[in-house]
Amino acid sequence: MTMFEAAMAGVLVTMFLALVRAVAGPTVPDRILAANMFGTKTVLLIAVLGFLTERPEWLDLAVVYALVNFVGTIAVAKYARFGNLASDDRKVG
């Protein structure tokens, strides 16, 4: 087993643990952070697989996935906090 295969196995184990935490909770912020961690580990997995298969273009996919994961986490956190994504109930003036 090479070092990269061991790294991939470690990433898969931590992805499973993040998935367990996302399902188990106990609070909504715990679940949001666990889903974010799962997405981050997916980015690592894509990068390691791209290196193992000698396909450097997979790193571009990993970066795009990381950006989507970040924006998605911010959107879910805002929805969990305020109950909507579009309106802003702040008073002006």
Protein backbone atom coordinates (compact mmCIF):
# COMPACT_ATOMS: atom_id res chain seq x y z
CA MET A 1 0.00 0.00 0.00
CA THR A 2 1.46 3.30 -1.07
CA MET A 3 1.37 6.49 0.93
CA PHE A 4 -1.38 7.94 -1.28
CA GLU A 5 -3.56 4.86 -0.95
CA ALA A 6 -3.19 5.11 2.83
CA ALA A 7 -4.13 8.80 2.65
CA MET A 8 -7.19 7.90 0.59
CA ALA A 9 -8.22 5.29 3.15
CA GLY A 10 -7.80 7.83 5.95
CA VAL A 11 -9.91 10.38 4.07
CA LEU A 12 -12.64 7.78 3.52
CA VAL A 13 -12.69 6.94 7.24
CA THR A 14 -13.03 10.62 8.19
CA MET A 15 -15.75 11.06 5.56
CA PHE A 16 -17.68 8.23 7.19
CA LEU A 17 -17.25 9.82 10.63
CA ALA A 18 -18.46 13.18 9.27
CA LEU A 19 -21.48 11.47 7.74
CA VAL A 20 -22.29 9.86 11.09
CA ARG A 21 -22.07 13.25 12.81
CA ALA A 22 -24.25 14.86 10.13
CA VAL A 23 -26.96 12.27 10.73
CA ALA A 24 -26.64 12.07 14.52
CA GLY A 25 -26.54 15.80 15.20
CA PRO A 26 -27.49 16.67 17.96
CA THR A 27 -27.89 20.32 16.93
CA VAL A 28 -28.36 22.01 13.56
CA PRO A 29 -24.94 23.76 13.65
CA ASP A 30 -23.30 20.37 14.30
CA ARG A 31 -25.02 18.98 11.23
CA ILE A 32 -24.08 21.97 9.07
CA LEU A 33 -20.42 21.75 10.09
CA ALA A 34 -20.38 17.98 9.55
CA ALA A 35 -21.79 18.42 6.04
CA ASN A 36 -19.14 21.07 5.37
CA MET A 37 -16.45 18.72 6.63
CA PHE A 38 -17.80 15.96 4.37
CA GLY A 39 -17.53 18.33 1.40
CA THR A 40 -13.99 19.28 2.36
CA LYS A 41 -12.98 15.64 2.60
CA THR A 42 -14.55 15.07 -0.81
CA VAL A 43 -12.27 17.77 -2.21
CA LEU A 44 -9.27 15.97 -0.68
CA LEU A 45 -10.44 12.67 -2.11
CA ILE A 46 -10.79 14.14 -5.61
CA ALA A 47 -7.30 15.67 -5.35
CA VAL A 48 -5.69 12.41 -4.19
CA LEU A 49 -7.50 10.41 -6.87
CA GLY A 50 -6.36 12.91 -9.49
CA PHE A 51 -2.79 12.49 -8.33
CA LEU A 52 -3.00 8.68 -8.27
CA THR A 53 -4.50 8.48 -11.76
CA GLU A 54 -2.10 11.16 -13.08
CA ARG A 55 -4.99 13.41 -14.14
CA PRO A 56 -4.04 16.94 -12.98
CA GLU A 57 -7.27 18.40 -14.41
CA TRP A 58 -9.10 16.79 -11.46
CA LEU A 59 -7.52 19.46 -9.25
CA ASP A 60 -9.57 22.06 -11.14
CA LEU A 61 -12.69 20.04 -10.35
CA ALA A 62 -11.64 19.87 -6.70
CA VAL A 63 -11.28 23.67 -6.53
CA VAL A 64 -14.70 24.20 -8.12
CA TYR A 65 -16.24 21.69 -5.72
CA ALA A 66 -14.59 23.50 -2.79
CA LEU A 67 -16.10 26.82 -3.88
CA VAL A 68 -19.56 25.28 -4.30
CA ASN A 69 -19.20 23.62 -0.89
CA PHE A 70 -18.28 26.94 0.73
CA VAL A 71 -21.15 28.88 -0.85
CA GLY A 72 -23.58 26.07 -0.04
CA THR A 73 -22.51 26.00 3.59
CA ILE A 74 -22.97 29.76 3.90
CA ALA A 75 -26.44 29.50 2.32
CA VAL A 76 -27.54 26.66 4.61
CA ALA A 77 -26.21 28.49 7.67
CA LYS A 78 -28.08 31.66 6.69
CA TYR A 79 -31.27 29.69 6.10
CA ALA A 80 -30.90 27.92 9.45
CA ARG A 81 -30.38 31.26 11.21
CA PHE A 82 -32.94 33.50 9.48
CA GLY A 83 -35.42 31.08 7.89
CA ASN A 84 -35.02 32.50 4.38
CA LEU A 85 -32.34 33.35 1.85
CA ALA A 86 -33.80 36.26 -0.09
CA SER A 87 -35.24 38.91 2.16
CA ASP A 88 -33.36 41.15 4.52
CA ASP A 89 -35.51 42.37 7.43
CA ARG A 90 -33.13 45.07 8.60
CA LYS A 91 -34.63 48.53 9.03
CA VAL A 92 -33.04 51.26 6.96
CA GLY A 93 -32.94 54.83 8.19
